[in-house]
Structure formats: structure tokens, C-alpha cells
PDB file of N, CA and C in Angstrom:
ATOM      1  N   MET A   1     126.658 147.116  87.849  1.00  0.00           N
ATOM      2  CA  MET A   1     126.041 147.634  86.463  1.00  0.00           C
ATOM      3  C   MET A   1     126.778 148.343  85.690  1.00  0.00           C
ATOM      4  N   THR A   2     126.706 148.277  84.346  1.00  0.00           N
ATOM      5  CA  THR A   2     127.587 149.194  83.666  1.00  0.00           C
ATOM      6  C   THR A   2     126.230 149.625  82.744  1.00  0.00           C
ATOM      7  N   ILE A   3     126.454 151.088  82.662  1.00  0.00           N
ATOM      8  CA  ILE A   3     125.266 151.087  81.264  1.00  0.00           C
ATOM      9  C   ILE A   3     126.162 152.218  80.550  1.00  0.00           C
ATOM     10  N   THR A   4     125.489 151.927  79.043  1.00  0.00           N
ATOM     11  CA  THR A   4     125.937 152.659  77.835  1.00  0.00           C
ATOM     12  C   THR A   4     124.979 153.151  77.179  1.00  0.00           C
ATOM     13  N   LYS A   5     125.196 154.847  77.030  1.00  0.00           N
ATOM     14  CA  LYS A   5     124.072 155.147  76.159  1.00  0.00           C
ATOM     15  C   LYS A   5     124.496 155.610  74.903  1.00  0.00           C
ATOM     16  N   LYS A   6     123.434 155.419  73.816  1.00  0.00           N
ATOM     17  CA  LYS A   6     124.103 156.296  72.182  1.00  0.00           C
ATOM     18  C   LYS A   6     122.794 157.032  72.297  1.00  0.00           C
ATOM     19  N   GLN A   7     122.922 157.723  71.532  1.00  0.00           N
ATOM     20  CA  GLN A   7     122.196 158.802  71.133  1.00  0.00           C
ATOM     21  C   GLN A   7     122.264 159.103  69.526  1.00  0.00           C
ATOM     22  N   ASN A   8     121.515 158.761  68.755  1.00  0.00           N
ATOM     23  CA  ASN A   8     121.036 159.190  67.502  1.00  0.00           C
ATOM     24  C   ASN A   8     120.003 159.608  66.926  1.00  0.00           C
ATOM     25  N   GLY A   9     119.911 160.889  66.899  1.00  0.00           N
ATOM     26  CA  GLY A   9     118.440 161.698  66.739  1.00  0.00           C
ATOM     27  C   GLY A   9     117.978 161.832  67.777  1.00  0.00           C
ATOM     28  N   THR A  10     116.690 161.423  67.434  1.00  0.00           N
ATOM     29  CA  THR A  10     115.555 161.242  68.395  1.00  0.00           C
ATOM     30  C   THR A  10     115.692 159.271  68.960  1.00  0.00           C
ATOM     31  N   THR A  11     116.393 158.811  68.938  1.00  0.00           N
ATOM     32  CA  THR A  11     116.761 157.270  69.359  1.00  0.00           C
ATOM     33  C   THR A  11     117.812 157.573  70.165  1.00  0.00           C
ATOM     34  N   LEU A  12     117.135 156.929  71.371  1.00  0.00           N
ATOM     35  CA  LEU A  12     118.722 156.833  72.904  1.00  0.00           C
ATOM     36  C   LEU A  12     118.417 155.057  72.654  1.00  0.00           C
ATOM     37  N   GLU A  13     119.782 154.600  72.816  1.00  0.00           N
ATOM     38  CA  GLU A  13     119.944 153.181  73.491  1.00  0.00           C
ATOM     39  C   GLU A  13     120.444 152.841  74.344  1.00  0.00           C
ATOM     40  N   ILE A  14     119.854 152.405  75.085  1.00  0.00           N
ATOM     41  CA  ILE A  14     120.749 151.712  76.529  1.00  0.00           C
ATOM     42  C   ILE A  14     120.821 150.409  76.513  1.00  0.00           C
ATOM     43  N   ALA A  15     122.433 150.408  76.938  1.00  0.00           N
ATOM     44  CA  ALA A  15     122.656 148.709  76.733  1.00  0.00           C
ATOM     45  C   ALA A  15     123.215 148.907  78.506  1.00  0.00           C
ATOM     46  N   LEU A  16     122.400 147.534  78.879  1.00  0.00           N
ATOM     47  CA  LEU A  16     122.680 147.171  80.520  1.00  0.00           C
ATOM     48  C   LEU A  16     123.605 145.922  80.692  1.00  0.00           C
ATOM     49  N   ASP A  17     124.706 145.986  81.146  1.00  0.00           N
ATOM     50  CA  ASP A  17     125.786 144.755  81.195  1.00  0.00           C
ATOM     51  C   ASP A  17     125.642 145.008  82.775  1.00  0.00           C
ATOM     52  N   GLY A  18     125.111 143.659  83.326  1.00  0.00           N
ATOM     53  CA  GLY A  18     125.331 143.085  84.910  1.00  0.00           C
ATOM     54  C   GLY A  18     123.814 142.432  85.426  1.00  0.00           C
ATOM     55  N   ARG A  19     123.605 143.396  86.634  1.00  0.00           N
ATOM     56  CA  ARG A  19     122.112 143.245  87.278  1.00  0.00           C
ATOM     57  C   ARG A  19     121.368 144.401  87.416  1.00  0.00           C
ATOM     58  N   LEU A  20     120.246 144.164  86.658  1.00  0.00           N
ATOM     59  CA  LEU A  20     119.228 145.396  87.398  1.00  0.00           C
ATOM     60  C   LEU A  20     118.402 144.865  88.305  1.00  0.00           C
ATOM     61  N   ASP A  21     118.620 145.339  89.535  1.00  0.00           N
ATOM     62  CA  ASP A  21     118.122 145.033  90.993  1.00  0.00           C
ATOM     63  C   ASP A  21     118.066 146.011  91.685  1.00  0.00           C
ATOM     64  N   THR A  22     117.337 146.219  93.295  1.00  0.00           N
ATOM     65  CA  THR A  22     117.240 146.905  94.062  1.00  0.00           C
ATOM     66  C   THR A  22     118.877 147.456  94.275  1.00  0.00           C
ATOM     67  N   THR A  23     119.927 147.098  94.275  1.00  0.00           N
ATOM     68  CA  THR A  23     121.120 147.956  94.540  1.00  0.00           C
ATOM     69  C   THR A  23     121.532 149.239  93.132  1.00  0.00           C
ATOM     70  N   THR A  24     121.519 148.809  91.879  1.00  0.00           N
ATOM     71  CA  THR A  24     121.503 149.156  90.581  1.00  0.00           C
ATOM     72  C   THR A  24     120.622 150.221  90.143  1.00  0.00           C
ATOM     73  N   SER A  25     119.264 149.531  90.428  1.00  0.00           N
ATOM     74  CA  SER A  25     117.935 150.468  89.806  1.00  0.00           C
ATOM     75  C   SER A  25     118.208 151.740  89.942  1.00  0.00           C
ATOM     76  N   PRO A  26     118.497 152.313  90.931  1.00  0.00           N
ATOM     77  CA  PRO A  26     118.564 154.086  91.711  1.00  0.00           C
ATOM     78  C   PRO A  26     120.052 154.295  90.169  1.00  0.00           C
ATOM     79  N   GLU A  27     120.981 153.668  90.125  1.00  0.00           N
ATOM     80  CA  GLU A  27     121.516 154.189  89.061  1.00  0.00           C
ATOM     81  C   GLU A  27     120.790 154.350  87.718  1.00  0.00           C
ATOM     82  N   LEU A  28     119.784 153.350  87.376  1.00  0.00           N
ATOM     83  CA  LEU A  28     119.489 153.539  85.488  1.00  0.00           C
ATOM     84  C   LEU A  28     118.369 154.527  85.808  1.00  0.00           C
ATOM     85  N   GLU A  29     117.515 154.817  87.211  1.00  0.00           N
ATOM     86  CA  GLU A  29     116.579 156.037  87.141  1.00  0.00           C
ATOM     87  C   GLU A  29     117.443 156.959  87.061  1.00  0.00           C
ATOM     88  N   LYS A  30     118.551 157.463  87.838  1.00  0.00           N
ATOM     89  CA  LYS A  30     119.329 158.557  88.062  1.00  0.00           C
ATOM     90  C   LYS A  30     120.180 158.972  86.191  1.00  0.00           C
ATOM     91  N   GLU A  31     120.370 157.854  85.721  1.00  0.00           N
ATOM     92  CA  GLU A  31     121.024 158.380  84.171  1.00  0.00           C
ATOM     93  C   GLU A  31     119.711 158.314  82.809  1.00  0.00           C
ATOM     94  N   LEU A  32     118.652 158.073  83.481  1.00  0.00           N
ATOM     95  CA  LEU A  32     117.372 158.426  82.579  1.00  0.00           C
ATOM     96  C   LEU A  32     117.138 159.382  82.969  1.00  0.00           C
ATOM     97  N   ASP A  33     116.812 160.385  84.375  1.00  0.00           N
ATOM     98  CA  ASP A  33     116.848 161.594  84.387  1.00  0.00           C
ATOM     99  C   ASP A  33     116.771 162.578  83.449  1.00  0.00           C
ATOM    100  N   GLY A  34     115.680 162.867  83.198  1.00  0.00           N
ATOM    101  CA  GLY A  34     116.154 164.171  81.731  1.00  0.00           C
ATOM    102  C   GLY A  34     116.556 164.145  80.739  1.00  0.00           C
ATOM    103  N   VAL A  35     116.704 162.698  80.448  1.00  0.00           N
ATOM    104  CA  VAL A  35     117.478 162.305  79.124  1.00  0.00           C
ATOM    105  C   VAL A  35     116.494 162.367  78.117  1.00  0.00           C
ATOM    106  N   LEU A  36     115.537 161.980  78.334  1.00  0.00           N
ATOM    107  CA  LEU A  36     114.250 161.278  77.796  1.00  0.00           C
ATOM    108  C   LEU A  36     113.337 162.726  76.664  1.00  0.00           C
ATOM    109  N   ASP A  37     113.421 163.688  77.224  1.00  0.00           N
ATOM    110  CA  ASP A  37     113.135 164.922  75.917  1.00  0.00           C
ATOM    111  C   ASP A  37     113.786 164.536  75.254  1.00  0.00           C
ATOM    112  N   GLY A  38     112.729 164.792  73.999  1.00  0.00           N
ATOM    113  CA  GLY A  38     112.438 165.037  72.807  1.00  0.00           C
ATOM    114  C   GLY A  38     113.057 163.172  72.357  1.00  0.00           C
ATOM    115  N   VAL A  39     113.067 162.254  72.962  1.00  0.00           N
ATOM    116  CA  VAL A  39     113.241 160.800  72.644  1.00  0.00           C
ATOM    117  C   VAL A  39     112.229 160.614  72.202  1.00  0.00           C
ATOM    118  N   GLU A  40     112.126 159.834  71.107  1.00  0.00           N
ATOM    119  CA  GLU A  40     110.948 159.224  70.082  1.00  0.00           C
ATOM    120  C   GLU A  40     110.707 157.861  70.486  1.00  0.00           C
ATOM    121  N   GLU A  41     112.668 157.348  70.537  1.00  0.00           N
ATOM    122  CA  GLU A  41     112.298 155.922  70.606  1.00  0.00           C
ATOM    123  C   GLU A  41     113.528 155.612  71.781  1.00  0.00           C
ATOM    124  N   LEU A  42     113.049 154.948  72.346  1.00  0.00           N
ATOM    125  CA  LEU A  42     114.233 154.125  73.329  1.00  0.00           C
ATOM    126  C   LEU A  42     114.487 152.926  73.427  1.00  0.00           C
ATOM    127  N   ILE A  43     115.315 151.986  72.770  1.00  0.00           N
ATOM    128  CA  ILE A  43     115.504 150.817  72.908  1.00  0.00           C
ATOM    129  C   ILE A  43     116.796 150.385  74.080  1.00  0.00           C
ATOM    130  N   MET A  44     116.260 149.702  74.628  1.00  0.00           N
ATOM    131  CA  MET A  44     116.769 149.133  75.891  1.00  0.00           C
ATOM    132  C   MET A  44     117.326 147.612  75.430  1.00  0.00           C
ATOM    133  N   ASP A  45     118.609 147.671  75.172  1.00  0.00           N
ATOM    134  CA  ASP A  45     119.651 146.356  75.105  1.00  0.00           C
ATOM    135  C   ASP A  45     120.069 145.610  75.884  1.00  0.00           C
ATOM    136  N   PHE A  46     119.225 144.469  76.331  1.00  0.00           N
ATOM    137  CA  PHE A  46     119.961 143.531  77.251  1.00  0.00           C
ATOM    138  C   PHE A  46     120.402 142.582  77.139  1.00  0.00           C
ATOM    139  N   SER A  47     121.491 142.451  76.303  1.00  0.00           N
ATOM    140  CA  SER A  47     122.306 141.257  75.447  1.00  0.00           C
ATOM    141  C   SER A  47     122.907 140.849  76.998  1.00  0.00           C
ATOM    142  N   ASN A  48     123.320 141.735  77.329  1.00  0.00           N
ATOM    143  CA  ASN A  48     124.839 141.350  78.759  1.00  0.00           C
ATOM    144  C   ASN A  48     123.924 141.334  79.868  1.00  0.00           C
ATOM    145  N   LEU A  49     122.667 141.517  80.116  1.00  0.00           N
ATOM    146  CA  LEU A  49     121.889 142.060  81.165  1.00  0.00           C
ATOM    147  C   LEU A  49     121.677 140.517  82.045  1.00  0.00           C
ATOM    148  N   GLU A  50     122.429 140.235  83.249  1.00  0.00           N
ATOM    149  CA  GLU A  50     122.000 139.173  83.881  1.00  0.00           C
ATOM    150  C   GLU A  50     120.580 138.481  84.484  1.00  0.00           C
ATOM    151  N   TYR A  51     119.868 139.738  84.992  1.00  0.00           N
ATOM    152  CA  TYR A  51     118.983 139.482  86.098  1.00  0.00           C
ATOM    153  C   TYR A  51     118.496 140.740  85.671  1.00  0.00           C
ATOM    154  N   ILE A  52     117.160 140.390  86.394  1.00  0.00           N
ATOM    155  CA  ILE A  52     115.896 142.157  86.554  1.00  0.00           C
ATOM    156  C   ILE A  52     115.125 141.573  87.595  1.00  0.00           C
ATOM    157  N   SER A  53     115.072 142.395  88.719  1.00  0.00           N
ATOM    158  CA  SER A  53     114.176 141.935  89.519  1.00  0.00           C
ATOM    159  C   SER A  53     112.954 143.100  89.880  1.00  0.00           C
ATOM    160  N   SER A  54     112.319 142.922  90.885  1.00  0.00           N
ATOM    161  CA  SER A  54     110.829 143.932  90.689  1.00  0.00           C
ATOM    162  C   SER A  54     111.807 145.581  90.733  1.00  0.00           C
ATOM    163  N   ALA A  55     112.296 145.510  91.463  1.00  0.00           N
ATOM    164  CA  ALA A  55     113.233 147.648  91.543  1.00  0.00           C
ATOM    165  C   ALA A  55     113.494 147.869  90.008  1.00  0.00           C
ATOM    166  N   GLY A  56     113.747 146.624  89.434  1.00  0.00           N
ATOM    167  CA  GLY A  56     114.166 147.403  87.691  1.00  0.00           C
ATOM    168  C   GLY A  56     112.967 146.997  87.353  1.00  0.00           C
ATOM    169  N   LEU A  57     111.986 146.355  87.681  1.00  0.00           N
ATOM    170  CA  LEU A  57     110.882 146.137  86.472  1.00  0.00           C
ATOM    171  C   LEU A  57     109.777 147.461  86.688  1.00  0.00           C
ATOM    172  N   ARG A  58     110.300 148.184  87.650  1.00  0.00           N
ATOM    173  CA  ARG A  58     109.792 149.550  88.284  1.00  0.00           C
ATOM    174  C   ARG A  58     110.290 150.426  87.682  1.00  0.00           C
ATOM    175  N   VAL A  59     111.371 150.731  87.470  1.00  0.00           N
ATOM    176  CA  VAL A  59     111.832 151.374  86.677  1.00  0.00           C
ATOM    177  C   VAL A  59     111.708 151.735  85.249  1.00  0.00           C
ATOM    178  N   LEU A  60     111.554 150.136  84.693  1.00  0.00           N
ATOM    179  CA  LEU A  60     111.201 150.023  83.250  1.00  0.00           C
ATOM    180  C   LEU A  60     109.993 150.510  83.004  1.00  0.00           C
ATOM    181  N   LEU A  61     108.826 150.352  83.950  1.00  0.00           N
ATOM    182  CA  LEU A  61     107.439 151.132  83.926  1.00  0.00           C
ATOM    183  C   LEU A  61     107.654 151.953  84.180  1.00  0.00           C
ATOM    184  N   SER A  62     108.426 152.645  84.782  1.00  0.00           N
ATOM    185  CA  SER A  62     108.300 154.110  84.802  1.00  0.00           C
ATOM    186  C   SER A  62     108.747 154.916  83.717  1.00  0.00           C
ATOM    187  N   VAL A  63     109.328 154.594  83.086  1.00  0.00           N
ATOM    188  CA  VAL A  63     110.654 154.839  81.953  1.00  0.00           C
ATOM    189  C   VAL A  63     109.302 154.812  80.698  1.00  0.00           C
ATOM    190  N   HIS A  64     108.728 153.690  80.496  1.00  0.00           N
ATOM    191  CA  HIS A  64     107.221 153.374  79.769  1.00  0.00           C
ATOM    192  C   HIS A  64     106.511 154.395  80.157  1.00  0.00           C
ATOM    193  N   LYS A  65     105.785 154.371  80.850  1.00  0.00           N
ATOM    194  CA  LYS A  65     105.111 155.774  81.313  1.00  0.00           C
ATOM    195  C   LYS A  65     105.508 156.634  81.140  1.00  0.00           C
ATOM    196  N   ALA A  66     106.490 157.311  81.150  1.00  0.00           N
ATOM    197  CA  ALA A  66     106.997 158.854  80.777  1.00  0.00           C
ATOM    198  C   ALA A  66     107.118 158.697  79.406  1.00  0.00           C
ATOM    199  N   LEU A  67     107.159 157.787  78.766  1.00  0.00           N
ATOM    200  CA  LEU A  67     107.226 157.677  77.098  1.00  0.00           C
ATOM    201  C   LEU A  67     105.882 157.917  76.329  1.00  0.00           C
ATOM    202  N   HIS A  68     105.029 157.406  77.178  1.00  0.00           N
ATOM    203  CA  HIS A  68     103.907 157.291  76.947  1.00  0.00           C
ATOM    204  C   HIS A  68     103.002 158.870  75.804  1.00  0.00           C
ATOM    205  N   ASN A  69     102.467 158.380  74.830  1.00  0.00           N
ATOM    206  CA  ASN A  69     101.581 159.248  73.942  1.00  0.00           C
ATOM    207  C   ASN A  69     103.937 160.654  73.373  1.00  0.00           C
ATOM    208  N   LYS A  70     104.671 159.748  73.790  1.00  0.00           N
ATOM    209  CA  LYS A  70     105.614 161.041  73.195  1.00  0.00           C
ATOM    210  C   LYS A  70     107.193 159.813  72.521  1.00  0.00           C
ATOM    211  N   GLY A  71     106.668 158.710  72.385  1.00  0.00           N
ATOM    212  CA  GLY A  71     107.696 157.834  71.837  1.00  0.00           C
ATOM    213  C   GLY A  71     107.398 156.583  72.164  1.00  0.00           C
ATOM    214  N   ARG A  72     108.418 155.970  72.034  1.00  0.00           N
ATOM    215  CA  ARG A  72     107.749 154.654  72.297  1.00  0.00           C
ATOM    216  C   ARG A  72     109.519 153.775  73.082  1.00  0.00           C
ATOM    217  N   MET A  73     109.140 152.668  73.605  1.00  0.00           N
ATOM    218  CA  MET A  73     110.315 151.771  73.952  1.00  0.00           C
ATOM    219  C   MET A  73     110.131 150.499  73.798  1.00  0.00           C
ATOM    220  N   LYS A  74     111.340 149.544  73.404  1.00  0.00           N
ATOM    221  CA  LYS A  74     111.648 148.629  73.127  1.00  0.00           C
ATOM    222  C   LYS A  74     112.737 147.671  73.794  1.00  0.00           C
ATOM    223  N   VAL A  75     112.428 146.727  74.241  1.00  0.00           N
ATOM    224  CA  VAL A  75     113.771 145.934  75.249  1.00  0.00           C
ATOM    225  C   VAL A  75     114.106 145.177  73.818  1.00  0.00           C
ATOM    226  N   VAL A  76     115.355 144.664  73.892  1.00  0.00           N
ATOM    227  CA  VAL A  76     115.835 143.604  72.837  1.00  0.00           C
ATOM    228  C   VAL A  76     116.683 142.718  73.555  1.00  0.00           C
ATOM    229  N   ASN A  77     116.444 141.921  72.815  1.00  0.00           N
ATOM    230  CA  ASN A  77     118.399 140.770  73.034  1.00  0.00           C
ATOM    231  C   ASN A  77     117.842 140.229  74.635  1.00  0.00           C
ATOM    232  N   PRO A  78     116.905 140.266  75.599  1.00  0.00           N
ATOM    233  CA  PRO A  78     116.974 139.637  76.876  1.00  0.00           C
ATOM    234  C   PRO A  78     117.121 138.141  76.790  1.00  0.00           C
ATOM    235  N   ASN A  79     117.925 137.655  77.896  1.00  0.00           N
ATOM    236  CA  ASN A  79     117.709 136.107  78.099  1.00  0.00           C
ATOM    237  C   ASN A  79     116.925 135.723  78.843  1.00  0.00           C
ATOM    238  N   GLU A  80     117.225 134.235  78.467  1.00  0.00           N
ATOM    239  CA  GLU A  80     115.868 133.517  78.940  1.00  0.00           C
ATOM    240  C   GLU A  80     115.397 133.888  80.522  1.00  0.00           C
ATOM    241  N   ILE A  81     116.412 133.751  81.249  1.00  0.00           N
ATOM    242  CA  ILE A  81     116.086 134.369  82.992  1.00  0.00           C
ATOM    243  C   ILE A  81     115.364 135.821  82.779  1.00  0.00           C
ATOM    244  N   VAL A  82     115.353 136.852  81.778  1.00  0.00           N
ATOM    245  CA  VAL A  82     115.040 138.082  82.291  1.00  0.00           C
ATOM    246  C   VAL A  82     113.987 137.722  81.553  1.00  0.00           C
ATOM    247  N   ARG A  83     113.796 137.166  80.165  1.00  0.00           N
ATOM    248  CA  ARG A  83     112.606 137.024  79.545  1.00  0.00           C
ATOM    249  C   ARG A  83     111.605 136.446  80.240  1.00  0.00           C
ATOM    250  N   GLU A  84     111.738 135.674  81.314  1.00  0.00           N
ATOM    251  CA  GLU A  84     110.878 134.429  82.218  1.00  0.00           C
ATOM    252  C   GLU A  84     110.578 135.102  83.150  1.00  0.00           C
ATOM    253  N   VAL A  85     110.927 136.661  83.317  1.00  0.00           N
ATOM    254  CA  VAL A  85     110.462 137.437  84.726  1.00  0.00           C
ATOM    255  C   VAL A  85     109.518 138.114  83.877  1.00  0.00           C
ATOM    256  N   PHE A  86     109.849 138.690  82.604  1.00  0.00           N
ATOM    257  CA  PHE A  86     108.742 139.388  82.152  1.00  0.00           C
ATOM    258  C   PHE A  86     107.322 138.521  81.738  1.00  0.00           C
ATOM    259  N   GLU A  87     107.725 137.780  81.475  1.00  0.00           N
ATOM    260  CA  GLU A  87     106.603 136.443  81.282  1.00  0.00           C
ATOM    261  C   GLU A  87     105.850 136.297  82.598  1.00  0.00           C
ATOM    262  N   VAL A  88     106.520 135.809  83.656  1.00  0.00           N
ATOM    263  CA  VAL A  88     105.746 135.620  84.998  1.00  0.00           C
ATOM    264  C   VAL A  88     105.013 136.835  85.527  1.00  0.00           C
ATOM    265  N   THR A  89     105.596 138.092  85.228  1.00  0.00           N
ATOM    266  CA  THR A  89     104.988 139.168  86.002  1.00  0.00           C
ATOM    267  C   THR A  89     103.913 139.940  84.977  1.00  0.00           C
ATOM    268  N   GLY A  90     103.901 139.228  83.608  1.00  0.00           N
ATOM    269  CA  GLY A  90     103.085 140.270  82.581  1.00  0.00           C
ATOM    270  C   GLY A  90     103.697 141.335  81.722  1.00  0.00           C
ATOM    271  N   PHE A  91     104.767 141.534  82.029  1.00  0.00           N
ATOM    272  CA  PHE A  91     105.528 142.732  81.525  1.00  0.00           C
ATOM    273  C   PHE A  91     105.382 142.454  79.999  1.00  0.00           C
ATOM    274  N   ASP A  92     105.437 141.162  79.511  1.00  0.00           N
ATOM    275  CA  ASP A  92     105.604 140.939  78.312  1.00  0.00           C
ATOM    276  C   ASP A  92     104.479 141.408  77.559  1.00  0.00           C
ATOM    277  N   ASN A  93     103.041 141.513  78.162  1.00  0.00           N
ATOM    278  CA  ASN A  93     102.416 142.113  77.936  1.00  0.00           C
ATOM    279  C   ASN A  93     101.448 143.597  77.586  1.00  0.00           C
ATOM    280  N   ILE A  94     103.020 144.275  78.156  1.00  0.00           N
ATOM    281  CA  ILE A  94     102.678 145.672  78.327  1.00  0.00           C
ATOM    282  C   ILE A  94     104.023 146.142  77.575  1.00  0.00           C
ATOM    283  N   LEU A  95     105.157 145.469  77.623  1.00  0.00           N
ATOM    284  CA  LEU A  95     106.255 146.139  76.407  1.00  0.00           C
ATOM    285  C   LEU A  95     106.776 145.583  75.270  1.00  0.00           C
ATOM    286  N   THR A  96     107.524 146.024  74.567  1.00  0.00           N
ATOM    287  CA  THR A  96     107.605 145.421  73.392  1.00  0.00           C
ATOM    288  C   THR A  96     108.955 144.991  73.317  1.00  0.00           C
ATOM    289  N   ILE A  97     108.800 143.880  73.512  1.00  0.00           N
ATOM    290  CA  ILE A  97     110.341 142.805  73.722  1.00  0.00           C
ATOM    291  C   ILE A  97     110.738 142.149  72.027  1.00  0.00           C
ATOM    292  N   GLU A  98     111.748 142.416  71.754  1.00  0.00           N
ATOM    293  CA  GLU A  98     112.395 141.850  70.552  1.00  0.00           C
ATOM    294  C   GLU A  98     113.397 140.713  70.822  1.00  0.00           C
TER     295      GLU A  98
END
């Protein structure tokens, strides 16, 4: 998985390319550790994310909780497979997905 970060003021955009699963979710966790301070908006661009597992969902939930009352997080451009995972797990009711 490739992770691309772009920061513009208090907005941080993270683009993921590949699979977010048991093997790669620790990599995303490490990338996000400590970079959320001062972030008011986190945009997770899933345009090139092929798949997300429960381990990836756990990372998203953790980040969502970390930003609670500090900022907001949204997931943009998920493919049909990823969107279906969000729907089946109820994450579409927790996260802002565009």
C-alpha cells in the first residue's frame, strides 16, 4: 500500500493506494501517529484503495475517535467494494462518506 499525505493549513489529506488490511494497517497507524495535532479536517481519499479489512476499519475508527471534538474526518471516493464493506459493517452510519 502507498500512502500519500498533503497538508494545507489545518486540513490533512491522506490518499491510499492498494489494500488496507492486516498487513498494511499498522503502516497507516504509524503514518497517522502524532500528525493529527492541529488537524481540523482529515480527508481520506480512497480513490485507489482496492480493499479494506476489519483491521483497516479499526484504524479508521481509532482516527475518527481521536478527532472527536477536535475536527472532522471524511472518506472520499471509495469504490463499490469498499463502500459495501462500510454498509455491511454500519460504518456508513459512523463516518462521513462522499
